[in-house]
N, C-alpha and C. Protein backbone atom coordinates (compact mmCIF):
# COMPACT_ATOMS: atom_id res chain seq x y z
N MET A 1 104.20 6.80 -70.44
CA MET A 1 102.81 6.93 -70.72
C MET A 1 102.07 5.60 -70.69
N THR A 2 102.76 4.57 -71.01
CA THR A 2 102.16 3.25 -71.02
C THR A 2 101.77 2.84 -69.60
N GLU A 3 102.53 3.26 -68.61
CA GLU A 3 102.22 2.91 -67.23
C GLU A 3 100.93 3.58 -66.79
N PHE A 4 100.70 4.83 -67.24
CA PHE A 4 99.47 5.54 -66.85
C PHE A 4 98.23 4.88 -67.47
N VAL A 5 98.33 4.40 -68.71
CA VAL A 5 97.20 3.75 -69.37
C VAL A 5 96.87 2.44 -68.65
N ALA A 6 97.88 1.69 -68.29
CA ALA A 6 97.67 0.43 -67.57
C ALA A 6 97.06 0.70 -66.19
N ALA A 7 97.50 1.75 -65.53
CA ALA A 7 96.97 2.09 -64.20
C ALA A 7 95.49 2.48 -64.30
N ARG A 8 95.15 3.22 -65.36
CA ARG A 8 93.74 3.59 -65.56
C ARG A 8 92.88 2.36 -65.80
N ARG A 9 93.41 1.44 -66.59
CA ARG A 9 92.67 0.23 -66.89
C ARG A 9 92.43 -0.59 -65.61
N VAL A 10 93.43 -0.71 -64.78
CA VAL A 10 93.29 -1.44 -63.52
C VAL A 10 92.29 -0.73 -62.61
N ARG A 11 92.37 0.59 -62.56
CA ARG A 11 91.46 1.37 -61.73
C ARG A 11 90.01 1.18 -62.19
N ARG A 12 89.77 1.25 -63.51
CA ARG A 12 88.43 1.05 -64.04
C ARG A 12 87.91 -0.36 -63.75
N THR A 13 88.76 -1.34 -63.87
CA THR A 13 88.38 -2.72 -63.61
C THR A 13 88.00 -2.90 -62.14
N LEU A 14 88.79 -2.31 -61.23
CA LEU A 14 88.48 -2.41 -59.80
C LEU A 14 87.17 -1.70 -59.47
N LEU A 15 86.93 -0.52 -60.05
CA LEU A 15 85.68 0.21 -59.81
C LEU A 15 84.48 -0.58 -60.33
N ALA A 16 84.61 -1.17 -61.51
CA ALA A 16 83.51 -1.96 -62.07
C ALA A 16 83.24 -3.19 -61.21
N ALA A 17 84.29 -3.83 -60.71
CA ALA A 17 84.12 -5.00 -59.85
C ALA A 17 83.45 -4.60 -58.53
N ALA A 18 83.86 -3.47 -57.95
CA ALA A 18 83.26 -3.00 -56.69
C ALA A 18 81.79 -2.65 -56.89
N LEU A 19 81.47 -1.99 -58.00
CA LEU A 19 80.08 -1.64 -58.29
C LEU A 19 79.24 -2.90 -58.49
N GLY A 20 79.76 -3.87 -59.21
CA GLY A 20 79.05 -5.13 -59.42
C GLY A 20 78.81 -5.87 -58.11
N ALA A 21 79.82 -5.87 -57.23
CA ALA A 21 79.66 -6.53 -55.93
C ALA A 21 78.60 -5.82 -55.09
N ALA A 22 78.56 -4.49 -55.13
CA ALA A 22 77.56 -3.73 -54.37
C ALA A 22 76.15 -4.04 -54.87
N VAL A 23 75.98 -4.13 -56.19
CA VAL A 23 74.67 -4.46 -56.75
C VAL A 23 74.24 -5.86 -56.34
N LEU A 24 75.14 -6.82 -56.39
CA LEU A 24 74.82 -8.19 -55.99
C LEU A 24 74.47 -8.28 -54.50
N LEU A 25 75.22 -7.57 -53.65
CA LEU A 25 74.91 -7.58 -52.22
C LEU A 25 73.55 -6.94 -51.94
N GLY A 26 73.24 -5.86 -52.64
CA GLY A 26 71.94 -5.20 -52.47
C GLY A 26 70.80 -6.10 -52.90
N ALA A 27 70.95 -6.80 -54.00
CA ALA A 27 69.91 -7.71 -54.47
C ALA A 27 69.73 -8.88 -53.51
N ALA A 28 70.83 -9.39 -52.97
CA ALA A 28 70.74 -10.50 -52.02
C ALA A 28 70.06 -10.05 -50.72
N ALA A 29 70.34 -8.84 -50.27
CA ALA A 29 69.72 -8.32 -49.05
C ALA A 29 68.22 -8.14 -49.24
N CYS A 30 67.80 -7.67 -50.40
CA CYS A 30 66.37 -7.50 -50.67
C CYS A 30 65.65 -8.84 -50.72
N ALA A 31 66.29 -9.84 -51.26
CA ALA A 31 65.66 -11.16 -51.39
C ALA A 31 65.49 -11.83 -50.03
N GLN A 32 66.38 -11.56 -49.08
CA GLN A 32 66.31 -12.22 -47.78
C GLN A 32 65.46 -11.46 -46.79
N GLY A 33 65.22 -10.17 -46.95
CA GLY A 33 64.57 -9.35 -45.94
C GLY A 33 63.07 -9.30 -46.03
N GLY A 34 62.40 -10.22 -46.69
CA GLY A 34 60.94 -10.19 -46.82
C GLY A 34 60.25 -10.57 -45.52
N GLU A 35 58.96 -10.29 -45.45
CA GLU A 35 58.18 -10.67 -44.28
C GLU A 35 57.97 -12.17 -44.28
N PRO A 36 57.90 -12.76 -43.09
CA PRO A 36 57.68 -14.20 -43.05
C PRO A 36 56.28 -14.55 -43.55
N GLU A 37 56.17 -15.69 -44.19
CA GLU A 37 54.88 -16.16 -44.70
C GLU A 37 54.01 -16.59 -43.53
N PRO A 38 52.71 -16.25 -43.55
CA PRO A 38 51.84 -16.72 -42.46
C PRO A 38 51.66 -18.23 -42.52
N GLU A 39 51.49 -18.82 -41.36
CA GLU A 39 51.30 -20.26 -41.30
C GLU A 39 49.94 -20.62 -41.89
N ALA A 40 49.88 -21.74 -42.56
CA ALA A 40 48.63 -22.18 -43.18
C ALA A 40 47.57 -22.51 -42.13
N SER A 41 48.01 -22.89 -40.93
CA SER A 41 47.05 -23.29 -39.90
C SER A 41 46.60 -22.13 -39.01
N SER A 42 47.11 -20.91 -39.26
CA SER A 42 46.71 -19.80 -38.39
C SER A 42 45.26 -19.41 -38.68
N PRO A 43 44.48 -19.13 -37.62
CA PRO A 43 43.06 -18.81 -37.81
C PRO A 43 42.87 -17.43 -38.44
N ALA A 44 41.74 -17.25 -39.08
CA ALA A 44 41.40 -15.96 -39.67
C ALA A 44 41.11 -14.97 -38.54
N PRO A 45 41.34 -13.68 -38.77
CA PRO A 45 41.08 -12.70 -37.72
C PRO A 45 39.59 -12.61 -37.38
N VAL A 46 39.31 -12.28 -36.13
CA VAL A 46 37.93 -12.13 -35.67
C VAL A 46 37.36 -10.84 -36.24
N LEU A 47 36.07 -10.85 -36.57
CA LEU A 47 35.42 -9.69 -37.17
C LEU A 47 35.01 -8.66 -36.14
N GLY A 48 35.83 -7.95 -35.52
CA GLY A 48 35.48 -6.84 -34.64
C GLY A 48 34.40 -7.15 -33.63
N VAL A 49 34.50 -8.27 -32.94
CA VAL A 49 33.54 -8.59 -31.89
C VAL A 49 34.24 -8.33 -30.56
N ASP A 50 33.71 -7.44 -29.77
CA ASP A 50 34.21 -7.27 -28.42
C ASP A 50 33.01 -7.08 -27.50
N ASP A 51 33.23 -6.64 -26.28
CA ASP A 51 32.14 -6.58 -25.30
C ASP A 51 31.02 -5.64 -25.69
N ASP A 52 31.34 -4.51 -26.28
CA ASP A 52 30.31 -3.49 -26.52
C ASP A 52 30.15 -3.11 -27.98
N ARG A 53 30.77 -3.84 -28.89
CA ARG A 53 30.70 -3.49 -30.31
C ARG A 53 30.80 -4.76 -31.15
N VAL A 54 29.97 -4.83 -32.19
CA VAL A 54 30.00 -5.97 -33.12
C VAL A 54 29.95 -5.41 -34.52
N GLN A 55 30.88 -5.85 -35.36
CA GLN A 55 30.84 -5.47 -36.77
C GLN A 55 30.52 -6.72 -37.57
N LEU A 56 29.42 -6.66 -38.31
CA LEU A 56 28.98 -7.79 -39.12
C LEU A 56 29.25 -7.51 -40.59
N LEU A 57 29.78 -8.50 -41.29
CA LEU A 57 29.92 -8.44 -42.74
C LEU A 57 28.84 -9.32 -43.33
N GLU A 58 28.33 -8.93 -44.47
CA GLU A 58 27.25 -9.67 -45.12
C GLU A 58 27.62 -11.14 -45.29
N GLY A 59 26.77 -12.02 -44.77
CA GLY A 59 26.96 -13.46 -44.92
C GLY A 59 27.87 -14.11 -43.90
N THR A 60 28.45 -13.34 -42.96
CA THR A 60 29.36 -13.89 -41.97
C THR A 60 28.76 -13.75 -40.58
N PRO A 61 28.45 -14.85 -39.89
CA PRO A 61 27.81 -14.75 -38.58
C PRO A 61 28.80 -14.37 -37.48
N ALA A 62 28.27 -13.78 -36.41
CA ALA A 62 29.04 -13.48 -35.21
C ALA A 62 28.16 -13.77 -34.01
N SER A 63 28.76 -14.31 -32.97
CA SER A 63 28.02 -14.68 -31.77
C SER A 63 28.24 -13.63 -30.69
N VAL A 64 27.15 -13.19 -30.05
CA VAL A 64 27.24 -12.22 -28.96
C VAL A 64 26.58 -12.80 -27.72
N GLU A 65 27.05 -12.35 -26.57
CA GLU A 65 26.44 -12.73 -25.30
C GLU A 65 26.07 -11.46 -24.57
N GLY A 66 25.03 -11.54 -23.80
CA GLY A 66 24.59 -10.36 -23.07
C GLY A 66 24.27 -10.70 -21.63
N GLY A 67 23.36 -9.94 -21.06
CA GLY A 67 22.97 -10.12 -19.68
C GLY A 67 22.34 -11.46 -19.41
N SER A 68 21.70 -12.07 -20.40
CA SER A 68 21.03 -13.36 -20.19
C SER A 68 22.02 -14.51 -20.15
N GLY A 69 23.23 -14.31 -20.66
CA GLY A 69 24.24 -15.36 -20.66
C GLY A 69 24.13 -16.34 -21.81
N ASP A 70 23.00 -16.35 -22.51
CA ASP A 70 22.82 -17.24 -23.65
C ASP A 70 23.30 -16.55 -24.91
N PRO A 71 24.21 -17.18 -25.68
CA PRO A 71 24.70 -16.54 -26.90
C PRO A 71 23.63 -16.48 -27.98
N VAL A 72 23.72 -15.44 -28.80
CA VAL A 72 22.84 -15.25 -29.94
C VAL A 72 23.73 -15.05 -31.16
N GLU A 73 23.44 -15.78 -32.24
CA GLU A 73 24.19 -15.64 -33.47
C GLU A 73 23.53 -14.57 -34.33
N LEU A 74 24.29 -13.53 -34.67
CA LEU A 74 23.79 -12.45 -35.53
C LEU A 74 24.43 -12.59 -36.90
N GLN A 75 23.65 -12.29 -37.93
CA GLN A 75 24.18 -12.35 -39.29
C GLN A 75 23.49 -11.28 -40.14
N LEU A 76 24.30 -10.52 -40.87
CA LEU A 76 23.78 -9.54 -41.82
C LEU A 76 23.38 -10.31 -43.07
N THR A 77 22.07 -10.36 -43.34
CA THR A 77 21.59 -11.18 -44.46
C THR A 77 21.19 -10.36 -45.67
N GLY A 78 21.06 -9.04 -45.52
CA GLY A 78 20.69 -8.21 -46.66
C GLY A 78 20.67 -6.74 -46.27
N TYR A 79 20.34 -5.91 -47.24
CA TYR A 79 20.28 -4.47 -46.98
C TYR A 79 19.34 -3.82 -47.98
N GLU A 80 18.90 -2.61 -47.63
CA GLU A 80 18.08 -1.78 -48.51
C GLU A 80 18.84 -0.47 -48.70
N ASP A 81 19.18 -0.17 -49.94
CA ASP A 81 19.90 1.06 -50.25
C ASP A 81 18.89 2.17 -50.49
N GLY A 82 19.31 3.40 -50.41
CA GLY A 82 18.41 4.52 -50.66
C GLY A 82 18.77 5.71 -49.79
N GLU A 83 17.81 6.65 -49.67
CA GLU A 83 18.05 7.83 -48.85
C GLU A 83 18.28 7.46 -47.39
N GLU A 84 17.50 6.50 -46.90
CA GLU A 84 17.66 6.00 -45.54
C GLU A 84 17.97 4.51 -45.63
N PRO A 85 19.25 4.15 -45.74
CA PRO A 85 19.59 2.73 -45.89
C PRO A 85 19.19 1.93 -44.65
N ALA A 86 18.92 0.67 -44.86
CA ALA A 86 18.56 -0.24 -43.77
C ALA A 86 19.29 -1.55 -43.98
N VAL A 87 19.44 -2.29 -42.90
CA VAL A 87 20.07 -3.60 -42.96
C VAL A 87 19.09 -4.65 -42.45
N VAL A 88 19.23 -5.86 -42.97
CA VAL A 88 18.41 -6.98 -42.52
C VAL A 88 19.34 -7.90 -41.73
N ILE A 89 19.04 -8.06 -40.44
CA ILE A 89 19.87 -8.86 -39.55
C ILE A 89 19.06 -10.05 -39.06
N SER A 90 19.67 -11.21 -39.14
CA SER A 90 19.07 -12.44 -38.62
C SER A 90 19.66 -12.69 -37.23
N ALA A 91 18.78 -12.90 -36.24
CA ALA A 91 19.21 -13.21 -34.88
C ALA A 91 18.69 -14.60 -34.52
N ARG A 92 19.63 -15.49 -34.17
CA ARG A 92 19.24 -16.87 -33.84
C ARG A 92 19.80 -17.23 -32.48
N PRO A 93 18.92 -17.35 -31.46
CA PRO A 93 19.40 -17.80 -30.15
C PRO A 93 19.88 -19.24 -30.23
N GLU A 94 20.77 -19.61 -29.33
CA GLU A 94 21.30 -20.97 -29.32
C GLU A 94 20.15 -21.97 -29.14
N GLY A 95 20.01 -22.87 -30.10
CA GLY A 95 18.96 -23.88 -30.05
C GLY A 95 17.59 -23.36 -30.44
N GLY A 96 17.50 -22.12 -30.94
CA GLY A 96 16.21 -21.54 -31.29
C GLY A 96 16.09 -21.26 -32.77
N GLU A 97 14.99 -20.64 -33.13
CA GLU A 97 14.71 -20.28 -34.53
C GLU A 97 15.24 -18.88 -34.82
N ALA A 98 15.70 -18.68 -36.04
CA ALA A 98 16.19 -17.37 -36.46
C ALA A 98 15.02 -16.42 -36.70
N GLU A 99 15.24 -15.16 -36.35
CA GLU A 99 14.24 -14.12 -36.57
C GLU A 99 14.94 -12.96 -37.28
N GLU A 100 14.31 -12.41 -38.33
CA GLU A 100 14.93 -11.32 -39.09
C GLU A 100 14.36 -9.98 -38.67
N PHE A 101 15.26 -8.97 -38.65
CA PHE A 101 14.89 -7.61 -38.30
C PHE A 101 15.43 -6.67 -39.36
N THR A 102 14.62 -5.71 -39.80
CA THR A 102 15.07 -4.67 -40.72
C THR A 102 15.26 -3.41 -39.90
N LEU A 103 16.51 -2.92 -39.86
CA LEU A 103 16.86 -1.80 -38.98
C LEU A 103 17.53 -0.67 -39.76
N ARG A 104 17.22 0.55 -39.39
CA ARG A 104 17.85 1.75 -39.96
C ARG A 104 18.86 2.29 -38.96
N LEU A 105 19.65 3.23 -39.39
CA LEU A 105 20.66 3.84 -38.54
C LEU A 105 20.02 4.42 -37.28
N GLY A 106 20.55 4.07 -36.12
CA GLY A 106 20.05 4.57 -34.84
C GLY A 106 19.00 3.68 -34.20
N GLU A 107 18.44 2.72 -34.94
CA GLU A 107 17.44 1.83 -34.36
C GLU A 107 18.11 0.73 -33.53
N HIS A 108 17.30 0.06 -32.70
CA HIS A 108 17.83 -0.92 -31.76
C HIS A 108 17.36 -2.34 -32.07
N LEU A 109 18.22 -3.28 -31.70
CA LEU A 109 17.94 -4.71 -31.80
C LEU A 109 18.15 -5.29 -30.41
N ASP A 110 17.17 -6.00 -29.89
CA ASP A 110 17.31 -6.67 -28.59
C ASP A 110 17.76 -8.09 -28.84
N ALA A 111 18.97 -8.41 -28.35
CA ALA A 111 19.53 -9.75 -28.53
C ALA A 111 20.38 -10.10 -27.32
N ALA A 112 20.29 -11.31 -26.86
CA ALA A 112 21.08 -11.83 -25.75
C ALA A 112 20.91 -10.99 -24.49
N GLY A 113 19.72 -10.46 -24.27
CA GLY A 113 19.46 -9.69 -23.07
C GLY A 113 20.04 -8.30 -23.08
N SER A 114 20.51 -7.82 -24.24
CA SER A 114 21.08 -6.48 -24.36
C SER A 114 20.43 -5.76 -25.53
N SER A 115 20.52 -4.44 -25.49
CA SER A 115 20.02 -3.62 -26.60
C SER A 115 21.22 -3.18 -27.43
N TRP A 116 21.18 -3.46 -28.73
CA TRP A 116 22.26 -3.12 -29.66
C TRP A 116 21.75 -2.06 -30.63
N ARG A 117 22.46 -0.93 -30.71
CA ARG A 117 22.08 0.18 -31.59
C ARG A 117 22.87 0.08 -32.89
N VAL A 118 22.19 0.31 -34.02
CA VAL A 118 22.87 0.34 -35.32
C VAL A 118 23.61 1.67 -35.40
N SER A 119 24.94 1.61 -35.29
CA SER A 119 25.73 2.85 -35.27
C SER A 119 26.40 3.16 -36.61
N GLU A 120 26.59 2.17 -37.46
CA GLU A 120 27.18 2.40 -38.79
C GLU A 120 26.59 1.40 -39.77
N ILE A 121 26.36 1.88 -40.99
CA ILE A 121 25.94 1.00 -42.09
C ILE A 121 26.87 1.28 -43.26
N GLY A 122 27.45 0.23 -43.81
CA GLY A 122 28.33 0.36 -44.96
C GLY A 122 27.79 -0.45 -46.12
N ILE A 123 27.44 0.23 -47.21
CA ILE A 123 26.89 -0.45 -48.38
C ILE A 123 27.76 -0.11 -49.58
N SER A 124 28.17 -1.13 -50.31
CA SER A 124 29.00 -0.95 -51.49
C SER A 124 28.25 -1.49 -52.70
N GLY A 125 28.44 -0.87 -53.84
CA GLY A 125 27.82 -1.36 -55.07
C GLY A 125 28.60 -2.49 -55.71
N SER A 126 29.73 -2.87 -55.10
CA SER A 126 30.60 -3.89 -55.67
C SER A 126 30.37 -5.24 -55.00
N ALA A 127 30.40 -6.29 -55.80
CA ALA A 127 30.28 -7.65 -55.25
C ALA A 127 31.52 -8.03 -54.46
N ASN A 128 32.65 -7.37 -54.75
CA ASN A 128 33.90 -7.67 -54.05
C ASN A 128 33.93 -7.08 -52.64
N GLN A 129 33.11 -6.09 -52.37
CA GLN A 129 33.07 -5.43 -51.06
C GLN A 129 31.70 -5.67 -50.44
N PRO A 130 31.58 -6.60 -49.49
CA PRO A 130 30.27 -6.89 -48.91
C PRO A 130 29.78 -5.74 -48.03
N ALA A 131 28.47 -5.70 -47.83
CA ALA A 131 27.88 -4.71 -46.94
C ALA A 131 28.31 -5.02 -45.51
N SER A 132 28.27 -3.99 -44.65
CA SER A 132 28.63 -4.19 -43.25
C SER A 132 27.75 -3.34 -42.36
N VAL A 133 27.67 -3.72 -41.11
CA VAL A 133 26.92 -2.96 -40.12
C VAL A 133 27.67 -3.07 -38.79
N THR A 134 27.69 -1.97 -38.06
CA THR A 134 28.29 -1.97 -36.72
C THR A 134 27.18 -1.77 -35.71
N LEU A 135 27.12 -2.67 -34.74
CA LEU A 135 26.15 -2.59 -33.65
C LEU A 135 26.90 -2.24 -32.37
N THR A 136 26.36 -1.29 -31.60
CA THR A 136 26.97 -0.88 -30.35
C THR A 136 26.01 -1.19 -29.21
N ARG A 137 26.53 -1.85 -28.17
CA ARG A 137 25.69 -2.21 -27.02
C ARG A 137 25.36 -0.94 -26.24
N GLU A 138 24.08 -0.77 -25.95
CA GLU A 138 23.62 0.37 -25.16
C GLU A 138 23.77 0.05 -23.68
N ALA A 139 24.17 1.05 -22.91
CA ALA A 139 24.33 0.86 -21.47
C ALA A 139 22.97 0.59 -20.83
N ALA A 140 22.96 -0.31 -19.87
CA ALA A 140 21.69 -0.67 -19.21
C ALA A 140 21.27 0.38 -18.21
């Protein structure tokens, strides 16, 4: 009977050691498998500017070019909340003076030789979430 007790003790010790090793290996695998840290010198992503669509966030300028070839800097500078929300957009041609436009959904802004339609307006009551507007270039 003494041999059976000793065998059980050895078996329990081996099982506990195997379980402990599995837990340690799992913890080590989780610690090593994280996503790589982004480089400090990598640029911030572009704000949805492409050939036919511009998304502006409040206070962040974006430059667009159109048929005239001269870039125009657009910036969402404010908004009006209500039943029919509106956005205030500043348009500044290169080397020129800024001009502000108050536009509602569906209205157009002429900038850089193209017509841009207000296709989306996003207004948040939170200071953490800035207002946004999406402008879509109308076909000539």
